[in-house]
C-alpha atoms as a PDB file:
ATOM      1  CA  MET A   1     122.289  95.711  63.024  1.00  0.00           C
ATOM      2  CA  SER A   2     122.891  99.336  63.728  1.00  0.00           C
ATOM      3  CA  VAL A   3     126.853  99.018  62.834  1.00  0.00           C
ATOM      4  CA  TYR A   4     126.301  97.491  59.867  1.00  0.00           C
ATOM      5  CA  ILE A   5     123.191 100.041  58.776  1.00  0.00           C
ATOM      6  CA  LYS A   6     125.729 102.559  59.743  1.00  0.00           C
ATOM      7  CA  THR A   7     128.760 101.132  57.413  1.00  0.00           C
ATOM      8  CA  VAL A   8     126.284 100.391  54.302  1.00  0.00           C
ATOM      9  CA  SER A   9     125.343 104.173  54.762  1.00  0.00           C
ATOM     10  CA  VAL A  10     128.661 105.260  55.000  1.00  0.00           C
ATOM     11  CA  VAL A  11     129.490 103.080  52.018  1.00  0.00           C
ATOM     12  CA  LEU A  12     126.741 104.298  49.790  1.00  0.00           C
ATOM     13  CA  LEU A  13     127.237 107.904  50.607  1.00  0.00           C
ATOM     14  CA  TRP A  14     130.813 107.386  49.577  1.00  0.00           C
ATOM     15  CA  ILE A  15     129.467 106.092  46.186  1.00  0.00           C
ATOM     16  CA  ALA A  16     127.125 108.689  45.575  1.00  0.00           C
ATOM     17  CA  SER A  17     129.512 111.189  46.174  1.00  0.00           C
ATOM     18  CA  PHE A  18     132.428 109.514  44.093  1.00  0.00           C
ATOM     19  CA  ALA A  19     129.611 109.095  40.789  1.00  0.00           C
ATOM     20  CA  LEU A  20     129.028 113.313  41.471  1.00  0.00           C
ATOM     21  CA  HIS A  21     132.329 114.259  41.264  1.00  0.00           C
ATOM     22  CA  ALA A  22     132.530 111.412  38.111  1.00  0.00           C
ATOM     23  CA  THR A  23     129.447 113.288  36.454  1.00  0.00           C
ATOM     24  CA  GLU A  24     130.951 117.001  36.911  1.00  0.00           C
ATOM     25  CA  ALA A  25     134.404 115.920  35.498  1.00  0.00           C
ATOM     26  CA  TYR A  26     133.184 115.297  32.223  1.00  0.00           C
ATOM     27  CA  VAL A  27     130.300 116.755  30.301  1.00  0.00           C
ATOM     28  CA  VAL A  28     128.656 114.197  27.718  1.00  0.00           C
ATOM     29  CA  LYS A  29     125.885 114.769  25.362  1.00  0.00           C
ATOM     30  CA  LYS A  30     123.315 112.276  23.569  1.00  0.00           C
ATOM     31  CA  SER A  31     124.459 112.639  19.490  1.00  0.00           C
ATOM     32  CA  SER A  32     121.892 111.663  16.830  1.00  0.00           C
ATOM     33  CA  TYR A  33     124.518 111.121  14.502  1.00  0.00           C
ATOM     34  CA  SER A  34     127.663 108.501  13.892  1.00  0.00           C
ATOM     35  CA  VAL A  35     130.351 109.099  15.311  1.00  0.00           C
ATOM     36  CA  ASP A  36     132.160 109.865  11.951  1.00  0.00           C
ATOM     37  CA  GLU A  37     129.246 112.525  11.638  1.00  0.00           C
ATOM     38  CA  THR A  38     129.393 113.714  14.989  1.00  0.00           C
ATOM     39  CA  LEU A  39     132.864 114.505  15.493  1.00  0.00           C
ATOM     40  CA  ASN A  40     132.920 115.815  11.527  1.00  0.00           C
ATOM     41  CA  ARG A  41     129.970 117.992  12.836  1.00  0.00           C
ATOM     42  CA  LEU A  42     132.161 119.345  15.790  1.00  0.00           C
ATOM     43  CA  GLU A  43     135.240 119.970  13.844  1.00  0.00           C
ATOM     44  CA  VAL A  44     133.503 122.305  10.931  1.00  0.00           C
ATOM     45  CA  VAL A  45     132.071 124.689  14.051  1.00  0.00           C
ATOM     46  CA  LEU A  46     135.179 124.669  15.360  1.00  0.00           C
ATOM     47  CA  LYS A  47     136.898 125.474  12.408  1.00  0.00           C
ATOM     48  CA  LYS A  48     134.137 128.437  11.231  1.00  0.00           C
ATOM     49  CA  LYS A  49     134.890 130.019  15.109  1.00  0.00           C
ATOM     50  CA  GLY A  50     139.167 129.871  14.536  1.00  0.00           C
ATOM     51  CA  ILE A  51     139.652 127.227  16.495  1.00  0.00           C
ATOM     52  CA  THR A  52     142.346 124.913  15.703  1.00  0.00           C
ATOM     53  CA  VAL A  53     141.880 121.111  14.868  1.00  0.00           C
ATOM     54  CA  PHE A  54     144.746 119.077  15.542  1.00  0.00           C
ATOM     55  CA  ALA A  55     144.267 115.584  15.149  1.00  0.00           C
ATOM     56  CA  ARG A  56     141.744 112.820  15.222  1.00  0.00           C
ATOM     57  CA  VAL A  57     142.703 109.688  16.444  1.00  0.00           C
ATOM     58  CA  ASN A  58     140.933 106.919  15.485  1.00  0.00           C
ATOM     59  CA  HIS A  59     140.702 104.468  18.793  1.00  0.00           C
ATOM     60  CA  THR A  60     138.416 101.471  17.095  1.00  0.00           C
ATOM     61  CA  ALA A  61     141.750 101.569  14.488  1.00  0.00           C
ATOM     62  CA  GLY A  62     143.856 100.982  16.295  1.00  0.00           C
ATOM     63  CA  ALA A  63     142.205  98.328  18.531  1.00  0.00           C
ATOM     64  CA  ASP A  64     141.449  96.411  14.733  1.00  0.00           C
ATOM     65  CA  LYS A  65     145.453  96.563  14.606  1.00  0.00           C
ATOM     66  CA  VAL A  66     146.079  94.488  17.196  1.00  0.00           C
ATOM     67  CA  GLY A  67     143.001  91.948  16.604  1.00  0.00           C
ATOM     68  CA  LEU A  68     140.815  93.446  19.196  1.00  0.00           C
ATOM     69  CA  LYS A  69     137.626  94.884  18.690  1.00  0.00           C
ATOM     70  CA  MET A  70     135.633  98.344  20.288  1.00  0.00           C
ATOM     71  CA  GLN A  71     132.601 100.012  18.941  1.00  0.00           C
ATOM     72  CA  PRO A  72     133.681 103.002  17.167  1.00  0.00           C
ATOM     73  CA  THR A  73     135.234 105.691  19.128  1.00  0.00           C
ATOM     74  CA  GLN A  74     137.240 108.597  17.781  1.00  0.00           C
ATOM     75  CA  LEU A  75     139.012 111.830  19.731  1.00  0.00           C
ATOM     76  CA  LEU A  76     139.424 115.190  18.376  1.00  0.00           C
ATOM     77  CA  ILE A  77     142.414 117.222  19.468  1.00  0.00           C
ATOM     78  CA  PHE A  78     141.803 121.100  19.598  1.00  0.00           C
ATOM     79  CA  GLY A  79     142.348 124.399  21.142  1.00  0.00           C
ATOM     80  CA  ASN A  80     142.565 128.115  21.452  1.00  0.00           C
ATOM     81  CA  PRO A  81     145.669 129.784  22.286  1.00  0.00           C
ATOM     82  CA  LYS A  82     144.243 132.516  23.442  1.00  0.00           C
ATOM     83  CA  MET A  83     142.501 130.799  26.001  1.00  0.00           C
ATOM     84  CA  GLY A  84     145.120 127.670  26.762  1.00  0.00           C
ATOM     85  CA  THR A  85     148.409 130.194  27.055  1.00  0.00           C
ATOM     86  CA  PRO A  86     147.293 132.349  30.257  1.00  0.00           C
ATOM     87  CA  LEU A  87     145.890 129.063  31.911  1.00  0.00           C
ATOM     88  CA  MET A  88     149.203 127.302  31.047  1.00  0.00           C
ATOM     89  CA  ASN A  89     151.094 130.284  32.370  1.00  0.00           C
ATOM     90  CA  GLU A  90     149.277 130.106  35.755  1.00  0.00           C
ATOM     91  CA  ASN A  91     150.202 125.847  35.580  1.00  0.00           C
ATOM     92  CA  ARG A  92     152.439 125.123  33.485  1.00  0.00           C
ATOM     93  CA  LEU A  93     150.889 121.043  34.235  1.00  0.00           C
ATOM     94  CA  MET A  94     147.802 122.442  32.262  1.00  0.00           C
ATOM     95  CA  GLY A  95     149.806 121.131  29.493  1.00  0.00           C
ATOM     96  CA  LEU A  96     148.964 117.707  30.224  1.00  0.00           C
ATOM     97  CA  ASP A  97     145.513 118.157  29.344  1.00  0.00           C
ATOM     98  CA  LEU A  98     145.531 120.984  26.613  1.00  0.00           C
ATOM     99  CA  PRO A  99     144.759 120.811  24.284  1.00  0.00           C
ATOM    100  CA  MET A 100     141.230 119.685  24.386  1.00  0.00           C
ATOM    101  CA  LYS A 101     140.009 116.739  23.453  1.00  0.00           C
ATOM    102  CA  ALA A 102     136.138 115.859  22.465  1.00  0.00           C
ATOM    103  CA  LEU A 103     135.550 112.258  22.588  1.00  0.00           C
ATOM    104  CA  ALA A 104     132.734 110.386  20.668  1.00  0.00           C
ATOM    105  CA  TRP A 105     132.140 106.579  21.024  1.00  0.00           C
ATOM    106  CA  LYS A 106     129.018 104.388  20.556  1.00  0.00           C
ATOM    107  CA  ASP A 107     127.820 102.304  23.057  1.00  0.00           C
ATOM    108  CA  GLU A 108     126.581  98.768  23.497  1.00  0.00           C
ATOM    109  CA  ALA A 109     122.624 100.104  22.922  1.00  0.00           C
ATOM    110  CA  SER A 110     123.883 101.964  19.533  1.00  0.00           C
ATOM    111  CA  GLN A 111     123.349 105.103  21.206  1.00  0.00           C
ATOM    112  CA  VAL A 112     126.567 107.731  20.489  1.00  0.00           C
ATOM    113  CA  TRP A 113     127.716 109.920  22.747  1.00  0.00           C
ATOM    114  CA  LEU A 114     129.670 112.505  22.403  1.00  0.00           C
ATOM    115  CA  GLY A 115     131.718 113.672  25.388  1.00  0.00           C
ATOM    116  CA  TYR A 116     134.734 116.477  26.792  1.00  0.00           C
ATOM    117  CA  LEU A 117     136.461 117.491  30.078  1.00  0.00           C
ATOM    118  CA  ASN A 118     134.678 120.270  31.858  1.00  0.00           C
ATOM    119  CA  PRO A 119     136.791 123.073  32.420  1.00  0.00           C
ATOM    120  CA  VAL A 120     135.685 123.637  36.282  1.00  0.00           C
ATOM    121  CA  GLU A 121     137.581 120.004  36.300  1.00  0.00           C
ATOM    122  CA  LEU A 122     140.745 121.402  34.657  1.00  0.00           C
ATOM    123  CA  GLN A 123     140.380 124.254  36.976  1.00  0.00           C
ATOM    124  CA  SER A 124     140.051 122.032  40.184  1.00  0.00           C
ATOM    125  CA  ARG A 125     142.939 119.596  38.567  1.00  0.00           C
ATOM    126  CA  HIS A 126     145.582 122.745  38.017  1.00  0.00           C
ATOM    127  CA  GLY A 127     144.411 125.201  41.279  1.00  0.00           C
ATOM    128  CA  ILE A 128     143.289 127.805  38.278  1.00  0.00           C
ATOM    129  CA  LYS A 129     142.752 131.263  39.711  1.00  0.00           C
ATOM    130  CA  ASN A 130     141.317 132.922  36.459  1.00  0.00           C
ATOM    131  CA  GLN A 131     137.788 132.087  36.543  1.00  0.00           C
ATOM    132  CA  ALA A 132     137.205 134.290  33.569  1.00  0.00           C
ATOM    133  CA  ILE A 133     138.816 132.143  31.015  1.00  0.00           C
ATOM    134  CA  ILE A 134     137.263 128.675  32.606  1.00  0.00           C
ATOM    135  CA  ASN A 135     133.772 130.430  32.566  1.00  0.00           C
ATOM    136  CA  LYS A 136     134.193 131.176  28.771  1.00  0.00           C
ATOM    137  CA  MET A 137     135.715 127.993  28.313  1.00  0.00           C
ATOM    138  CA  LYS A 138     132.671 126.540  29.817  1.00  0.00           C
ATOM    139  CA  LYS A 139     129.946 128.387  27.520  1.00  0.00           C
ATOM    140  CA  ALA A 140     131.865 128.020  24.522  1.00  0.00           C
ATOM    141  CA  LEU A 141     132.254 124.301  24.987  1.00  0.00           C
ATOM    142  CA  ASN A 142     128.728 123.954  25.695  1.00  0.00           C
ATOM    143  CA  GLY A 143     127.569 126.264  22.620  1.00  0.00           C
ATOM    144  CA  LEU A 144     130.338 124.823  20.080  1.00  0.00           C
ATOM    145  CA  THR A 145     129.458 121.266  21.228  1.00  0.00           C
ATOM    146  CA  ASP A 146     125.206 122.132  20.915  1.00  0.00           C
ATOM    147  CA  LYS A 147     125.555 123.536  17.724  1.00  0.00           C
ATOM    148  CA  ALA A 148     128.067 120.539  16.414  1.00  0.00           C
ATOM    149  CA  LEU A 149     125.232 118.009  17.818  1.00  0.00           C
ATOM    150  CA  LYS A 150     121.747 120.345  16.348  1.00  0.00           C
END
């Protein structure tokens, strides 16, 4: 019985550590708006701050085109070369994760969410040493998304 308890404890600890890492990798916030309106609001906030909006991807429309159903889900792709370029100069593979993306989706309970990759995850993933820009990105993304969801 003791070996069983130890095994279960190890498995539960492993699951908990994975869940903790998963929640740290992404920042997810509730939205009081529709998916469309959530990203419309974010786009306005980004443009007012001089951040380039590159594209918007409607995943639900893509699913519809192939006869599949998906709750409303859209992606906004945006960036600021003043922050991204130094990071890409440090590790060119950052270009796989930049520009930044924000995903808005409606879950099965009709709650809309807005999520994005935590810059700390980018730092960890790519071995970035420029802590100042990572901190600036974290603060900017938090503030911009909070403002859009107000």
